[in-house]
Amino acid sequence: MKIISGIYKNKKIYTLNNNKLKPTTSINKKILFEWINKNIINKKCIDCFAGTGSLSLEAISRKAKYTLLIEKNYKIANIIKKNFKNINKKKFKIKIKNSIKWLKKIKNIKYDIIFIDPPYEKINYINKIINIIEKNNIIKKKSLIYIETKKNNKIKIPHQWILCKKKIIHSSIIMLYKKIN
């Protein structure tokens, strides 16, 4: 895996051979960043299930201001650290925490773009994260929310989020929402 575009284009992204780790495919990542490319510059991002950090690396490469990566698995978090080794430390922060528990503690810290891409079998994680984001006021009007999951998973989307883009790729579905108020 490599960074697709931006200032770190072609930088190698290290991964683990681990069935708990499901890096976003190059196809999905390419589509996502085509969707949000004009909206990424100087934006604050949060990667709720960071994995290798691939989405955050791509965001920083495309001039996002900052990204917070949350990953609860220590071995996987060490891969993130390896992938971010030569990246400006002011551009990111890694939290080795459970996303659901950690986000419950945040109040009124706003992010412009949120990546929600948990392991596919953890559909309840997506719904819990969405509820926490709304309850704790973590996003603002016009924030973008990227969700990736299995195409048959049922997600409860708040009425103030509108679907901007959606694409089914093999057995997965990727969606981009915008908070409208």
Protein backbone atom coordinates (compact mmCIF):
# COMPACT_ATOMS: atom_id res chain seq x y z
CA MET A 1 0.00 0.00 0.00
CA LYS A 2 1.09 3.55 -0.75
CA ILE A 3 -0.15 7.10 -0.38
CA ILE A 4 -2.03 7.95 -3.57
CA SER A 5 -1.49 11.69 -3.92
CA GLY A 6 -0.19 14.87 -2.35
CA ILE A 7 3.11 15.80 -0.74
CA TYR A 8 3.80 12.23 0.46
CA LYS A 9 2.68 10.55 -2.78
CA ASN A 10 4.06 7.00 -3.16
CA LYS A 11 5.20 6.81 0.49
CA LYS A 12 4.94 3.18 1.53
CA ILE A 13 2.27 2.30 4.11
CA TYR A 14 3.26 -0.60 6.35
CA THR A 15 0.65 -3.09 7.52
CA LEU A 16 0.35 -6.29 9.54
CA ASN A 17 -0.81 -9.70 8.44
CA ASN A 18 -3.61 -9.67 10.99
CA ASN A 19 -7.23 -10.68 10.53
CA LYS A 20 -8.28 -7.83 12.88
CA LEU A 21 -6.79 -5.30 10.48
CA LYS A 22 -8.73 -4.36 7.34
CA PRO A 23 -6.93 -1.49 5.62
CA THR A 24 -9.08 0.61 3.32
CA THR A 25 -8.41 -0.64 -0.18
CA SER A 26 -6.68 1.62 -2.69
CA ILE A 27 -9.89 1.72 -4.74
CA ASN A 28 -12.02 2.85 -1.78
CA LYS A 29 -9.40 5.37 -0.69
CA LYS A 30 -9.10 6.79 -4.20
CA ILE A 31 -12.87 7.26 -4.45
CA LEU A 32 -13.12 8.82 -0.98
CA PHE A 33 -10.39 11.36 -1.66
CA GLU A 34 -11.85 12.23 -5.06
CA TRP A 35 -15.05 13.03 -3.16
CA ILE A 36 -13.41 15.18 -0.46
CA ASN A 37 -10.26 16.50 -2.16
CA LYS A 38 -11.52 20.10 -2.45
CA ASN A 39 -12.63 20.05 1.20
CA ILE A 40 -9.51 18.64 2.90
CA ILE A 41 -7.08 21.58 2.92
CA ASN A 42 -6.58 22.98 6.46
CA LYS A 43 -9.27 20.69 7.93
CA LYS A 44 -9.17 18.81 11.23
CA CYS A 45 -9.82 15.10 10.85
CA ILE A 46 -10.47 12.25 13.24
CA ASP A 47 -9.88 8.62 12.28
CA CYS A 48 -12.01 6.58 14.70
CA PHE A 49 -10.61 3.13 13.84
CA ALA A 50 -7.22 4.12 12.47
CA GLY A 51 -5.73 0.73 11.65
CA THR A 52 -2.58 1.45 9.63
CA GLY A 53 -3.35 5.17 9.55
CA SER A 54 -3.82 5.03 5.78
CA LEU A 55 -6.76 7.47 5.64
CA SER A 56 -5.05 9.95 7.94
CA LEU A 57 -1.79 9.73 6.01
CA GLU A 58 -3.66 10.44 2.79
CA ALA A 59 -5.44 13.40 4.43
CA ILE A 60 -2.18 14.90 5.69
CA SER A 61 -0.53 14.31 2.33
CA ARG A 62 -3.35 16.34 0.79
CA LYS A 63 -2.79 19.23 3.24
CA ALA A 64 -5.23 18.50 6.05
CA LYS A 65 -4.31 20.67 9.02
CA TYR A 66 -4.38 17.91 11.64
CA THR A 67 -5.62 14.38 12.21
CA LEU A 68 -6.34 12.46 15.38
CA LEU A 69 -5.92 8.70 15.01
CA ILE A 70 -7.63 6.38 17.49
CA GLU A 71 -6.59 2.71 17.57
CA LYS A 72 -7.02 0.40 20.55
CA ASN A 73 -4.68 -2.42 19.47
CA TYR A 74 -1.07 -1.76 20.59
CA LYS A 75 0.52 -3.85 17.82
CA ILE A 76 -1.47 -2.04 15.18
CA ALA A 77 -0.76 1.34 16.82
CA ASN A 78 2.96 0.56 16.49
CA ILE A 79 2.41 0.20 12.73
CA ILE A 80 0.78 3.66 12.75
CA LYS A 81 3.84 5.05 14.53
CA LYS A 82 6.08 3.44 11.91
CA ASN A 83 3.94 4.89 9.09
CA PHE A 84 4.06 8.37 10.64
CA LYS A 85 7.78 8.27 11.45
CA ASN A 86 8.81 11.13 9.15
CA ILE A 87 5.59 13.16 9.32
CA ASN A 88 5.49 16.54 11.09
CA LYS A 89 4.39 15.81 14.71
CA LYS A 90 2.17 18.91 14.74
CA LYS A 91 0.03 17.30 12.03
CA PHE A 92 -1.23 14.30 14.01
CA LYS A 93 -1.80 12.66 17.37
CA ILE A 94 -2.19 8.94 18.03
CA LYS A 95 -4.44 7.74 20.85
CA ILE A 96 -4.13 4.08 21.81
CA LYS A 97 -7.65 3.87 23.15
CA ASN A 98 -11.03 2.31 22.53
CA SER A 99 -12.77 4.79 20.17
CA ILE A 100 -16.16 4.49 21.79
CA LYS A 101 -14.89 5.04 25.33
CA TRP A 102 -12.50 7.81 24.33
CA LEU A 103 -15.00 9.77 22.22
CA LYS A 104 -17.49 9.71 25.11
CA LYS A 105 -15.01 11.88 27.04
CA ILE A 106 -14.74 14.56 24.32
CA LYS A 107 -17.13 17.47 24.53
CA ASN A 108 -17.36 20.36 22.07
CA ILE A 109 -14.09 19.69 20.24
CA LYS A 110 -15.11 20.00 16.61
CA TYR A 111 -13.75 18.09 13.64
CA ASP A 112 -14.30 18.85 9.97
CA ILE A 113 -13.91 15.31 8.63
CA ILE A 114 -14.55 12.04 10.44
CA PHE A 115 -13.49 8.63 9.17
CA ILE A 116 -15.57 5.72 10.52
CA ASP A 117 -14.25 2.42 9.19
CA PRO A 118 -14.35 -0.28 11.90
CA PRO A 119 -13.95 -4.01 11.29
CA TYR A 120 -16.91 -5.01 9.11
CA GLU A 121 -18.41 -7.36 11.69
CA LYS A 122 -18.63 -4.48 14.22
CA ILE A 123 -21.72 -2.73 12.81
CA ASN A 124 -22.79 -1.75 16.32
CA TYR A 125 -19.56 0.30 16.58
CA ILE A 126 -20.65 2.52 13.71
CA ASN A 127 -24.03 3.25 15.30
CA LYS A 128 -22.44 3.90 18.70
CA ILE A 129 -19.83 6.26 17.21
CA ILE A 130 -22.53 8.16 15.29
CA ASN A 131 -24.56 8.61 18.49
CA ILE A 132 -21.52 9.79 20.45
CA ILE A 133 -20.49 12.23 17.70
CA GLU A 134 -23.94 13.81 17.76
CA LYS A 135 -24.45 13.75 21.53
CA ASN A 136 -21.02 15.22 22.34
CA ASN A 137 -21.15 17.82 19.59
CA ILE A 138 -17.93 16.64 17.90
CA ILE A 139 -18.93 17.80 14.42
CA LYS A 140 -20.16 21.12 13.15
CA LYS A 141 -22.39 22.26 10.34
CA LYS A 142 -20.93 21.09 7.00
CA SER A 143 -18.63 18.49 8.61
CA LEU A 144 -18.09 15.44 6.39
CA ILE A 145 -18.48 11.90 7.70
CA TYR A 146 -17.05 8.94 5.80
CA ILE A 147 -18.45 5.50 6.64
CA GLU A 148 -17.24 2.18 5.26
CA THR A 149 -18.94 -1.12 6.07
CA LYS A 150 -20.41 -4.29 4.56
CA LYS A 151 -23.07 -3.39 2.04
CA ASN A 152 -25.90 -5.14 3.94
CA ASN A 153 -25.19 -3.59 7.34
CA LYS A 154 -27.96 -1.36 8.67
CA ILE A 155 -26.79 2.01 9.92
CA LYS A 156 -28.91 4.56 11.80
CA ILE A 157 -28.09 7.96 10.34
CA PRO A 158 -29.21 11.14 12.13
CA HIS A 159 -31.79 13.20 10.22
CA GLN A 160 -29.42 16.20 10.11
CA TRP A 161 -26.90 14.23 8.03
CA ILE A 162 -27.44 14.13 4.28
CA LEU A 163 -25.97 11.50 2.02
CA CYS A 164 -23.64 13.18 -0.47
CA LYS A 165 -22.04 10.16 -2.13
CA LYS A 166 -22.40 6.39 -1.99
CA LYS A 167 -20.65 3.59 -3.82
CA ILE A 168 -20.88 -0.19 -3.55
CA ILE A 169 -17.60 -1.93 -4.22
CA HIS A 170 -17.73 -5.73 -4.11
CA SER A 171 -19.12 -6.59 -0.66
CA SER A 172 -18.49 -3.16 0.88
CA ILE A 173 -20.28 0.15 0.77
CA ILE A 174 -18.67 3.53 1.20
CA MET A 175 -20.72 6.59 2.03
CA LEU A 176 -20.06 10.26 2.54
CA TYR A 177 -22.44 12.32 4.65
CA LYS A 178 -22.57 16.02 5.46
CA LYS A 179 -24.06 17.49 8.60
CA ILE A 180 -26.55 20.13 7.49
CA ASN A 181 -27.26 21.88 10.82
